[in-house]
Amino acid sequence: MNSWRRPPELVVRNGAEVVRHLRELTPERSRSIGRAGRNRMLKEHTYRRRAEALDRIFQGLIASASAGERAAS
């Protein structure tokens, strides 16, 4: 799991850590993790962000195709 963006709510590196976290999970901690996940989803996974990502991809493809056409000329 990548944790470079912000302090994570939950990080595990292997199956044993998953089991340990699940055994130690309290209802309060579970709700906290759920809230953080929902907030991140609402903030980061929007139609606008998807459209911007697709636009970057398409712009890159157009630039590559243009460069290829110039090189072939």
N, C-alpha and C. Protein backbone atom coordinates (compact mmCIF):
# COMPACT_ATOMS: atom_id res chain seq x y z
N MET A 1 0.83 -1.17 0.00
CA MET A 1 0.00 0.00 0.00
C MET A 1 0.88 1.24 0.00
N ASN A 2 0.62 2.19 -0.88
CA ASN A 2 1.40 3.41 -0.91
C ASN A 2 0.98 4.34 0.21
N SER A 3 1.95 4.86 0.94
CA SER A 3 1.63 5.76 2.04
C SER A 3 2.35 7.10 1.89
N TRP A 4 2.84 7.42 0.70
CA TRP A 4 3.62 8.63 0.51
C TRP A 4 2.76 9.88 0.41
N ARG A 5 1.48 9.75 0.12
CA ARG A 5 0.64 10.92 -0.09
C ARG A 5 0.27 11.63 1.20
N ARG A 6 -0.12 10.89 2.19
CA ARG A 6 -0.58 11.47 3.45
C ARG A 6 -0.50 10.39 4.51
N PRO A 7 -0.59 10.76 5.78
CA PRO A 7 -0.56 9.72 6.81
C PRO A 7 -1.71 8.73 6.59
N PRO A 8 -1.40 7.45 6.51
CA PRO A 8 -2.44 6.46 6.23
C PRO A 8 -3.28 6.14 7.46
N GLU A 9 -4.47 5.69 7.21
CA GLU A 9 -5.33 5.21 8.29
C GLU A 9 -4.93 3.79 8.66
N LEU A 10 -4.49 3.03 7.69
CA LEU A 10 -4.15 1.63 7.93
C LEU A 10 -3.13 1.20 6.89
N VAL A 11 -2.01 0.66 7.35
CA VAL A 11 -0.98 0.17 6.44
C VAL A 11 -0.61 -1.24 6.87
N VAL A 12 -0.61 -2.16 5.93
CA VAL A 12 -0.18 -3.52 6.19
C VAL A 12 0.83 -3.93 5.13
N ARG A 13 1.78 -4.75 5.50
CA ARG A 13 2.83 -5.16 4.58
C ARG A 13 2.75 -6.63 4.20
N ASN A 14 1.98 -7.40 4.96
CA ASN A 14 1.87 -8.82 4.66
C ASN A 14 0.62 -9.40 5.33
N GLY A 15 0.35 -10.66 5.07
CA GLY A 15 -0.84 -11.30 5.61
C GLY A 15 -0.88 -11.35 7.12
N ALA A 16 0.27 -11.55 7.74
CA ALA A 16 0.31 -11.60 9.21
C ALA A 16 -0.10 -10.27 9.81
N GLU A 17 0.30 -9.16 9.18
CA GLU A 17 -0.10 -7.85 9.68
C GLU A 17 -1.59 -7.62 9.49
N VAL A 18 -2.16 -8.14 8.40
CA VAL A 18 -3.60 -8.03 8.20
C VAL A 18 -4.33 -8.72 9.35
N VAL A 19 -3.90 -9.93 9.66
CA VAL A 19 -4.52 -10.70 10.75
C VAL A 19 -4.40 -9.94 12.07
N ARG A 20 -3.21 -9.41 12.35
CA ARG A 20 -3.00 -8.66 13.60
C ARG A 20 -3.93 -7.45 13.68
N HIS A 21 -4.01 -6.69 12.58
CA HIS A 21 -4.88 -5.51 12.57
C HIS A 21 -6.34 -5.91 12.77
N LEU A 22 -6.76 -6.97 12.12
CA LEU A 22 -8.16 -7.40 12.27
C LEU A 22 -8.47 -7.83 13.69
N ARG A 23 -7.53 -8.50 14.33
CA ARG A 23 -7.74 -8.93 15.72
C ARG A 23 -7.81 -7.76 16.68
N GLU A 24 -7.08 -6.69 16.38
CA GLU A 24 -7.04 -5.52 17.24
C GLU A 24 -8.10 -4.48 16.90
N LEU A 25 -8.84 -4.70 15.84
CA LEU A 25 -9.80 -3.71 15.37
C LEU A 25 -10.97 -3.56 16.34
N THR A 26 -11.23 -2.33 16.72
CA THR A 26 -12.38 -2.02 17.58
C THR A 26 -13.47 -1.40 16.72
N PRO A 27 -14.70 -1.38 17.19
CA PRO A 27 -15.75 -0.71 16.42
C PRO A 27 -15.44 0.76 16.14
N GLU A 28 -14.83 1.44 17.10
CA GLU A 28 -14.48 2.85 16.91
C GLU A 28 -13.43 3.00 15.81
N ARG A 29 -12.41 2.16 15.85
CA ARG A 29 -11.35 2.21 14.83
C ARG A 29 -11.91 1.85 13.47
N SER A 30 -12.79 0.88 13.43
CA SER A 30 -13.42 0.49 12.17
C SER A 30 -14.18 1.66 11.56
N ARG A 31 -14.95 2.38 12.38
CA ARG A 31 -15.68 3.55 11.89
C ARG A 31 -14.72 4.64 11.41
N SER A 32 -13.63 4.83 12.14
CA SER A 32 -12.64 5.84 11.75
C SER A 32 -12.03 5.51 10.39
N ILE A 33 -11.66 4.27 10.18
CA ILE A 33 -11.09 3.84 8.90
C ILE A 33 -12.13 4.02 7.79
N GLY A 34 -13.37 3.65 8.07
CA GLY A 34 -14.44 3.80 7.09
C GLY A 34 -14.68 5.25 6.71
N ARG A 35 -14.71 6.13 7.70
CA ARG A 35 -14.90 7.57 7.43
C ARG A 35 -13.76 8.12 6.59
N ALA A 36 -12.53 7.75 6.95
CA ALA A 36 -11.37 8.25 6.21
C ALA A 36 -11.41 7.75 4.76
N GLY A 37 -11.76 6.49 4.57
CA GLY A 37 -11.86 5.95 3.22
C GLY A 37 -12.94 6.64 2.41
N ARG A 38 -14.08 6.86 3.02
CA ARG A 38 -15.18 7.54 2.33
C ARG A 38 -14.79 8.96 1.97
N ASN A 39 -14.18 9.68 2.90
CA ASN A 39 -13.76 11.06 2.63
C ASN A 39 -12.75 11.12 1.49
N ARG A 40 -11.81 10.19 1.49
CA ARG A 40 -10.80 10.17 0.42
C ARG A 40 -11.46 9.86 -0.92
N MET A 41 -12.39 8.91 -0.93
CA MET A 41 -13.09 8.56 -2.16
C MET A 41 -13.86 9.75 -2.70
N LEU A 42 -14.60 10.44 -1.83
CA LEU A 42 -15.38 11.59 -2.27
C LEU A 42 -14.50 12.72 -2.78
N LYS A 43 -13.32 12.87 -2.19
CA LYS A 43 -12.40 13.94 -2.59
C LYS A 43 -11.63 13.61 -3.85
N GLU A 44 -11.14 12.39 -3.96
CA GLU A 44 -10.20 12.05 -5.03
C GLU A 44 -10.80 11.31 -6.21
N HIS A 45 -11.89 10.63 -6.05
CA HIS A 45 -12.43 9.81 -7.13
C HIS A 45 -13.70 10.46 -7.67
N THR A 46 -13.50 11.54 -8.40
CA THR A 46 -14.61 12.31 -8.95
C THR A 46 -14.59 12.23 -10.47
N TYR A 47 -15.72 12.56 -11.08
CA TYR A 47 -15.78 12.60 -12.54
C TYR A 47 -14.80 13.61 -13.09
N ARG A 48 -14.64 14.74 -12.41
CA ARG A 48 -13.70 15.76 -12.88
C ARG A 48 -12.27 15.20 -12.93
N ARG A 49 -11.86 14.53 -11.87
CA ARG A 49 -10.50 13.97 -11.85
C ARG A 49 -10.31 12.91 -12.93
N ARG A 50 -11.33 12.10 -13.16
CA ARG A 50 -11.23 11.08 -14.22
C ARG A 50 -11.12 11.74 -15.58
N ALA A 51 -11.93 12.79 -15.80
CA ALA A 51 -11.88 13.51 -17.08
C ALA A 51 -10.51 14.16 -17.28
N GLU A 52 -9.96 14.74 -16.23
CA GLU A 52 -8.64 15.36 -16.33
C GLU A 52 -7.57 14.32 -16.65
N ALA A 53 -7.66 13.15 -16.02
CA ALA A 53 -6.69 12.08 -16.29
C ALA A 53 -6.80 11.61 -17.74
N LEU A 54 -8.02 11.42 -18.22
CA LEU A 54 -8.20 11.01 -19.61
C LEU A 54 -7.70 12.07 -20.57
N ASP A 55 -7.93 13.33 -20.25
CA ASP A 55 -7.45 14.41 -21.10
C ASP A 55 -5.92 14.38 -21.20
N ARG A 56 -5.25 14.16 -20.07
CA ARG A 56 -3.78 14.06 -20.10
C ARG A 56 -3.33 12.90 -20.98
N ILE A 57 -4.02 11.77 -20.87
CA ILE A 57 -3.68 10.61 -21.70
C ILE A 57 -3.86 10.93 -23.17
N PHE A 58 -5.02 11.51 -23.52
CA PHE A 58 -5.29 11.83 -24.92
C PHE A 58 -4.31 12.87 -25.45
N GLN A 59 -3.99 13.87 -24.65
CA GLN A 59 -3.04 14.89 -25.09
C GLN A 59 -1.66 14.26 -25.35
N GLY A 60 -1.27 13.32 -24.49
CA GLY A 60 0.00 12.62 -24.70
C GLY A 60 0.00 11.79 -25.97
N LEU A 61 -1.12 11.12 -26.24
CA LEU A 61 -1.24 10.32 -27.46
C LEU A 61 -1.19 11.20 -28.71
N ILE A 62 -1.87 12.34 -28.64
CA ILE A 62 -1.87 13.26 -29.76
C ILE A 62 -0.47 13.79 -30.00
N ALA A 63 0.23 14.16 -28.92
CA ALA A 63 1.60 14.67 -29.06
C ALA A 63 2.52 13.61 -29.65
N SER A 64 2.36 12.35 -29.20
CA SER A 64 3.20 11.26 -29.72
C SER A 64 2.92 11.01 -31.19
N ALA A 65 1.66 11.05 -31.56
CA ALA A 65 1.29 10.82 -32.96
C ALA A 65 1.83 11.95 -33.83
N SER A 66 1.74 13.17 -33.36
CA SER A 66 2.26 14.32 -34.12
C SER A 66 3.77 14.22 -34.29
N ALA A 67 4.46 13.82 -33.22
CA ALA A 67 5.91 13.68 -33.28
C ALA A 67 6.28 12.57 -34.26
N GLY A 68 5.51 11.50 -34.27
CA GLY A 68 5.77 10.41 -35.20
C GLY A 68 5.55 10.81 -36.64
N GLU A 69 4.54 11.61 -36.90
CA GLU A 69 4.27 12.10 -38.25
C GLU A 69 5.39 13.01 -38.72
N ARG A 70 5.87 13.87 -37.82
CA ARG A 70 6.97 14.77 -38.18
C ARG A 70 8.24 13.98 -38.48
N ALA A 71 8.48 12.93 -37.72
CA ALA A 71 9.69 12.11 -37.91
C ALA A 71 9.61 11.33 -39.21
N ALA A 72 8.42 10.95 -39.64
CA ALA A 72 8.24 10.17 -40.86
C ALA A 72 8.33 11.05 -42.09
N SER A 73 8.19 12.36 -41.92
CA SER A 73 8.20 13.26 -43.08
C SER A 73 9.58 13.49 -43.61
